[in-house]
Protein backbone atom coordinates (compact mmCIF):
# COMPACT_ATOMS: atom_id res chain seq x y z
CA UNK A 1 -0.19 0.05 0.08
CA UNK A 2 1.49 3.42 -1.22
CA UNK A 3 0.55 6.72 0.32
CA UNK A 4 0.27 7.96 -3.06
CA UNK A 5 -3.13 5.33 -3.42
CA UNK A 6 -4.13 6.29 -0.02
CA UNK A 7 -4.24 10.34 -1.55
CA UNK A 8 -6.31 8.98 -4.60
CA UNK A 9 -8.67 6.90 -2.17
CA UNK A 10 -9.52 9.97 -0.19
CA UNK A 11 -9.67 11.88 -2.84
CA UNK A 12 -12.08 9.58 -4.26
CA UNK A 13 -14.13 9.29 -0.86
CA UNK A 14 -14.67 13.38 -0.94
CA UNK A 15 -15.69 13.58 -4.73
CA UNK A 16 -17.66 10.13 -5.06
CA UNK A 17 -17.14 10.44 -8.77
CA UNK A 18 -14.05 9.05 -10.74
CA UNK A 19 -13.84 11.89 -13.32
CA UNK A 20 -14.04 14.70 -10.94
CA UNK A 21 -11.49 12.94 -8.64
CA UNK A 22 -9.31 12.52 -11.29
CA UNK A 23 -9.55 16.16 -12.32
CA UNK A 24 -8.64 17.25 -8.49
CA UNK A 25 -5.65 14.81 -8.51
CA UNK A 26 -4.73 15.94 -12.26
CA UNK A 27 -4.49 12.46 -13.55
CA UNK A 28 -6.43 10.43 -16.18
CA UNK A 29 -9.43 8.87 -14.75
CA UNK A 30 -7.93 5.51 -16.31
CA UNK A 31 -5.02 5.86 -13.95
CA UNK A 32 -6.98 6.65 -10.86
CA UNK A 33 -9.32 3.40 -11.50
CA UNK A 34 -6.13 1.21 -12.04
CA UNK A 35 -4.76 2.76 -8.51
CA UNK A 36 -8.19 1.81 -6.70
CA UNK A 37 -8.49 -1.60 -7.84
CA UNK A 38 -4.73 -2.31 -7.04
CA UNK A 39 -5.70 -0.96 -3.34
CA UNK A 40 -8.96 -2.82 -3.35
CA UNK A 41 -6.56 -6.02 -4.42
CA UNK A 42 -4.31 -5.49 -1.73
CA UNK A 43 -7.15 -4.89 1.23
CA UNK A 44 -8.85 -7.63 -0.25
CA UNK A 45 -12.42 -6.26 -0.06
CA UNK A 46 -14.00 -3.46 -2.52
CA UNK A 47 -13.88 -0.14 -1.33
CA UNK A 48 -16.51 1.35 -3.44
CA UNK A 49 -19.78 0.12 -4.96
CA UNK A 50 -20.01 0.94 -8.32
CA UNK A 51 -23.74 1.44 -9.65
CA UNK A 52 -24.07 2.70 -13.02
CA UNK A 53 -22.81 6.08 -12.81
CA UNK A 54 -23.15 6.11 -8.82
CA UNK A 55 -20.16 5.45 -6.66
CA UNK A 56 -20.59 4.78 -2.96
CA UNK A 57 -17.94 3.79 -0.05
CA UNK A 58 -18.15 0.16 0.97
CA UNK A 59 -18.09 -0.20 5.13
CA UNK A 60 -14.45 -1.36 4.34
CA UNK A 61 -13.75 2.10 2.47
CA UNK A 62 -15.20 3.69 5.58
CA UNK A 63 -12.97 2.00 7.73
CA UNK A 64 -9.76 2.62 5.58
CA UNK A 65 -10.74 6.36 5.30
CA UNK A 66 -11.26 6.45 9.10
CA UNK A 67 -7.41 5.34 9.21
CA UNK A 68 -6.16 7.09 6.51
CA UNK A 69 -6.92 10.25 8.34
CA UNK A 70 -4.70 9.22 10.99
CA UNK A 71 -2.20 8.28 8.73
CA UNK A 72 -1.72 11.82 7.18
CA UNK A 73 -2.22 13.15 11.00
CA UNK A 74 0.93 11.54 11.89
CA UNK A 75 2.61 12.58 8.50
CA UNK A 76 1.65 15.81 9.22
CA UNK A 77 3.01 16.02 12.73
CA UNK A 78 6.32 14.40 11.65
CA UNK A 79 6.69 17.26 8.86
CA UNK A 80 5.75 20.24 11.76
CA UNK A 81 8.15 18.75 14.20
CA UNK A 82 10.95 18.41 11.41
CA UNK A 83 10.29 21.99 10.43
CA UNK A 84 10.99 23.25 13.92
CA UNK A 85 14.60 22.58 12.88
CA UNK A 86 14.60 25.16 10.87
CA UNK A 87 12.78 27.81 13.01
CA UNK A 88 10.33 30.00 11.03
CA UNK A 89 12.01 30.34 7.92
CA UNK A 90 9.36 28.73 5.98
CA UNK A 91 6.16 26.67 6.07
CA UNK A 92 2.43 27.37 6.03
CA UNK A 93 0.10 28.14 8.25
CA UNK A 94 -3.65 27.60 7.63
CA UNK A 95 -6.39 29.38 9.87
CA UNK A 96 -10.39 29.12 9.86
CA UNK A 97 -11.88 31.51 11.25
CA UNK A 98 -16.00 32.80 12.05
CA UNK A 99 -17.05 35.44 9.32
CA UNK A 100 -17.69 37.59 12.54
CA UNK A 101 -14.02 37.94 13.74
CA UNK A 102 -12.43 37.83 10.42
CA UNK A 103 -12.96 41.17 9.60
CA UNK A 104 -11.89 43.02 12.88
CA UNK A 105 -10.22 41.10 15.32
CA UNK A 106 -7.55 39.41 12.61
CA UNK A 107 -6.11 42.13 10.67
CA UNK A 108 -3.74 43.43 12.96
CA UNK A 109 -2.24 40.35 13.87
CA UNK A 110 -2.13 38.82 10.44
CA UNK A 111 0.27 42.39 9.70
CA UNK A 112 2.31 41.75 12.47
CA UNK A 113 2.83 37.87 12.11
CA UNK A 114 3.66 38.65 8.26
CA UNK A 115 6.37 41.31 9.09
CA UNK A 116 8.05 39.42 11.70
CA UNK A 117 7.66 35.99 9.43
CA UNK A 118 7.67 37.03 6.12
CA UNK A 119 8.71 33.18 4.99
CA UNK A 120 5.65 31.68 6.39
CA UNK A 121 2.84 31.29 4.15
CA UNK A 122 -0.07 32.68 5.95
CA UNK A 123 -3.88 31.35 4.96
CA UNK A 124 -6.81 32.88 6.81
CA UNK A 125 -10.43 31.60 5.72
CA UNK A 126 -13.80 32.89 7.03
CA UNK A 127 -15.84 29.74 7.59
CA UNK A 128 -18.65 28.63 9.75
CA UNK A 129 -17.96 26.73 13.00
CA UNK A 130 -18.96 23.15 11.92
CA UNK A 131 -16.80 23.62 8.58
CA UNK A 132 -13.85 25.06 10.85
CA UNK A 133 -14.10 21.55 13.08
CA UNK A 134 -14.21 19.67 9.92
CA UNK A 135 -10.79 21.30 8.32
CA UNK A 136 -9.27 21.00 11.85
CA UNK A 137 -10.29 16.88 12.06
CA UNK A 138 -9.20 16.15 8.55
CA UNK A 139 -5.71 18.39 9.02
CA UNK A 140 -6.78 21.23 6.26
CA UNK A 141 -6.68 23.74 8.87
CA UNK A 142 -3.57 24.28 11.55
CA UNK A 143 -5.76 26.30 14.00
CA UNK A 144 -9.76 27.67 14.27
CA UNK A 145 -11.15 30.85 15.74
CA UNK A 146 -14.60 30.25 17.07
CA UNK A 147 -17.27 31.25 19.45
CA UNK A 148 -17.08 28.96 22.72
CA UNK A 149 -17.97 26.28 24.09
CA UNK A 150 -16.95 23.66 21.70
CA UNK A 151 -18.62 20.68 21.51
CA UNK A 152 -16.20 18.30 20.24
CA UNK A 153 -14.04 15.40 21.74
CA UNK A 154 -11.11 15.72 19.48
CA UNK A 155 -10.86 19.75 19.48
CA UNK A 156 -9.18 21.62 22.34
CA UNK A 157 -9.85 24.89 23.40
CA UNK A 158 -7.72 28.14 24.52
CA UNK A 159 -10.72 30.72 25.87
CA UNK A 160 -9.09 34.42 25.64
CA UNK A 161 -11.73 36.81 24.68
CA UNK A 162 -15.29 37.90 25.78
CA UNK A 163 -17.21 39.97 23.89
CA UNK A 164 -20.66 41.69 24.78
CA UNK A 165 -23.21 42.21 21.75
CA UNK A 166 -24.79 45.73 21.24
CA UNK A 167 -27.86 47.01 19.26
CA UNK A 168 -26.84 48.84 15.85
CA UNK A 169 -29.86 51.24 15.23
CA UNK A 170 -30.20 53.83 12.18
CA UNK A 171 -29.06 57.35 13.86
CA UNK A 172 -32.23 58.73 13.11
CA UNK A 173 -34.29 55.88 14.62
CA UNK A 174 -36.48 56.60 17.69
CA UNK A 175 -34.44 53.93 19.58
CA UNK A 176 -30.98 55.24 18.76
CA UNK A 177 -32.02 58.01 21.69
CA UNK A 178 -32.06 55.39 24.39
CA UNK A 179 -29.29 55.03 26.53
CA UNK A 180 -30.18 51.23 26.65
CA UNK A 181 -32.41 48.71 25.44
CA UNK A 182 -33.93 45.05 26.49
CA UNK A 183 -33.74 42.12 24.06
CA UNK A 184 -37.93 42.06 23.55
CA UNK A 185 -37.51 44.98 21.96
CA UNK A 186 -36.83 42.88 18.93
CA UNK A 187 -40.61 42.46 18.62
CA UNK A 188 -41.37 45.82 18.24
CA UNK A 189 -38.84 47.08 15.46
CA UNK A 190 -37.56 46.01 12.06
CA UNK A 191 -34.49 44.07 12.37
CA UNK A 192 -31.86 42.41 10.01
CA UNK A 193 -29.93 39.46 10.94
CA UNK A 194 -27.60 36.66 10.44
CA UNK A 195 -29.21 33.54 9.49
CA UNK A 196 -30.07 30.77 11.73
CA UNK A 197 -27.10 28.52 10.72
CA UNK A 198 -24.93 30.98 12.42
CA UNK A 199 -23.83 30.94 15.94
CA UNK A 200 -24.18 34.40 16.93
CA UNK A 201 -28.23 34.31 15.44
CA UNK A 202 -28.41 30.98 17.37
CA UNK A 203 -27.51 32.81 20.24
CA UNK A 204 -29.82 35.75 19.83
CA UNK A 205 -32.66 33.10 19.13
CA UNK A 206 -32.35 30.91 22.13
CA UNK A 207 -32.10 34.57 24.16
CA UNK A 208 -35.49 35.58 22.47
CA UNK A 209 -37.07 32.34 23.23
CA UNK A 210 -36.47 32.65 26.62
CA UNK A 211 -37.98 35.83 26.44
CA UNK A 212 -40.88 34.11 25.10
CA UNK A 213 -41.03 34.89 21.64
CA UNK A 214 -39.06 34.39 18.02
CA UNK A 215 -37.15 36.86 16.29
CA UNK A 216 -38.59 37.82 12.84
CA UNK A 217 -35.91 39.88 11.05
CA UNK A 218 -37.51 41.58 7.53
CA UNK A 219 -33.98 40.62 6.06
CA UNK A 220 -31.36 38.20 7.02
CA UNK A 221 -27.37 38.66 5.34
CA UNK A 222 -24.64 36.44 5.90
CA UNK A 223 -21.85 39.31 6.39
CA UNK A 224 -21.63 41.99 9.15
CA UNK A 225 -20.63 44.39 6.71
CA UNK A 226 -23.82 43.70 4.35
CA UNK A 227 -25.89 43.93 7.78
CA UNK A 228 -24.27 47.23 9.05
CA UNK A 229 -24.69 48.60 4.83
CA UNK A 230 -28.25 48.23 5.40
CA UNK A 231 -28.54 49.32 8.94
CA UNK A 232 -26.65 52.83 7.98
CA UNK A 233 -29.50 52.61 4.90
CA UNK A 234 -32.48 52.76 7.64
CA UNK A 235 -33.77 49.21 6.77
CA UNK A 236 -33.83 48.58 10.35
CA UNK A 237 -31.70 47.45 13.52
CA UNK A 238 -29.42 44.82 14.59
CA UNK A 239 -27.48 42.97 17.03
CA UNK A 240 -23.58 42.75 16.59
CA UNK A 241 -20.37 42.56 18.54
CA UNK A 242 -19.79 46.06 20.30
CA UNK A 243 -16.24 45.40 19.23
CA UNK A 244 -17.12 45.46 15.54
CA UNK A 245 -19.46 48.26 15.84
CA UNK A 246 -16.79 50.17 17.88
CA UNK A 247 -14.27 49.05 14.96
CA UNK A 248 -16.07 50.76 12.19
CA UNK A 249 -17.53 53.74 13.82
CA UNK A 250 -20.22 54.02 11.42
CA UNK A 251 -21.46 58.12 11.83
CA UNK A 252 -24.89 56.83 10.38
CA UNK A 253 -24.98 54.12 13.10
CA UNK A 254 -25.75 54.24 16.77
CA UNK A 255 -24.50 51.48 18.99
CA UNK A 256 -26.76 50.60 21.70
CA UNK A 257 -25.94 48.44 25.02
CA UNK A 258 -28.36 45.60 25.29
CA UNK A 259 -29.54 44.82 29.16
CA UNK A 260 -32.25 42.26 30.46
CA UNK A 261 -30.40 39.87 29.46
CA UNK A 262 -26.50 41.06 28.83
CA UNK A 263 -25.58 39.06 25.40
CA UNK A 264 -22.28 38.21 25.46
CA UNK A 265 -20.31 35.79 23.40
CA UNK A 266 -16.53 34.20 24.16
CA UNK A 267 -13.81 33.69 21.75
CA UNK A 268 -11.54 30.93 21.53
CA UNK A 269 -8.31 29.23 19.58
CA UNK A 270 -9.03 25.59 18.88
CA UNK A 271 -7.21 23.00 17.48
CA UNK A 272 -6.93 19.16 16.86
CA UNK A 273 -6.47 17.24 20.31
CA UNK A 274 -3.06 15.91 20.74
CA UNK A 275 -2.01 18.03 17.63
CA UNK A 276 1.56 19.05 17.61
CA UNK A 277 1.76 22.77 17.69
CA UNK A 278 4.19 23.86 15.24
CA UNK A 279 6.13 27.25 16.08
CA UNK A 280 4.64 29.11 13.78
CA UNK A 281 1.11 28.26 15.61
CA UNK A 282 2.68 28.89 18.72
CA UNK A 283 3.83 32.56 17.95
CA UNK A 284 0.76 33.20 16.19
CA UNK A 285 -1.47 32.12 18.88
CA UNK A 286 0.35 34.20 21.41
CA UNK A 287 0.30 37.28 18.81
CA UNK A 288 -3.24 37.00 18.49
CA UNK A 289 -4.09 36.99 22.05
CA UNK A 290 -1.82 39.94 23.03
CA UNK A 291 -2.87 41.83 19.86
CA UNK A 292 -6.82 41.10 20.94
CA UNK A 293 -6.63 41.65 24.63
CA UNK A 294 -4.29 45.01 24.38
CA UNK A 295 -6.82 46.49 21.47
CA UNK A 296 -9.48 45.86 24.15
CA UNK A 297 -8.25 47.23 27.02
CA UNK A 298 -7.45 50.33 25.31
CA UNK A 299 -11.20 50.56 23.88
CA UNK A 300 -13.58 52.56 26.58
CA UNK A 301 -16.62 50.27 27.42
């Protein structure tokens, strides 16, 4: 059994289509079919059911895929440990972060890290929580930045920053004159929120249900930038992290504290349990925590 065969096998497991998998791998489809047949011959059992144009994993295929992830995880661990001998002179660091933190918590750290370590290729991807966990477990990501708590046995978390949520309303909206608002005001005003699949929206939904109602936004949008753009145009109000609202400092938007209840989220750095954290990962974590905490302490409440 060769590592190249396992790589082909794992790609086919993801695509479940020989032609697409061959294109992803940059090889001819007959070559892929031949390597999979050789692998099945060595295993002694079929790894895929081929019914017409449909390809599905067999139970043997699912077992091999599970162990293949572990094999490539151990290889990546070995590479990371060996690359430590090179210090921070070269390498790659791939980070998955929630869309709600990419735009205002990460930029300064990314800039400083690149200036200090220009030969480390840094990739920062805006992703959803479930996709971040999936990327970590499949060794497609080195680190993740998510809202806590983490509900996965194979993921470790470093909590480091709590952020309050606040109401953002158009400057000339009647509610903009209030010193604070309560969450049940969502029953009375037009709102623009993230979709239900986002952690922040799920938190808002949970707290609203505790008060006996379900939020019914007039509009749902997938980025904070698009939401605040609608707020600035007077379409409605929203609830977003106060740090983000302070950071954009849009003069057409009024930020109002929320009380009863006070809403907060906790941000944490996550990584695969038992993963060897290379020097690049450790330095990035230290810089990120330091930058965010210093930035938070320098801003007024």
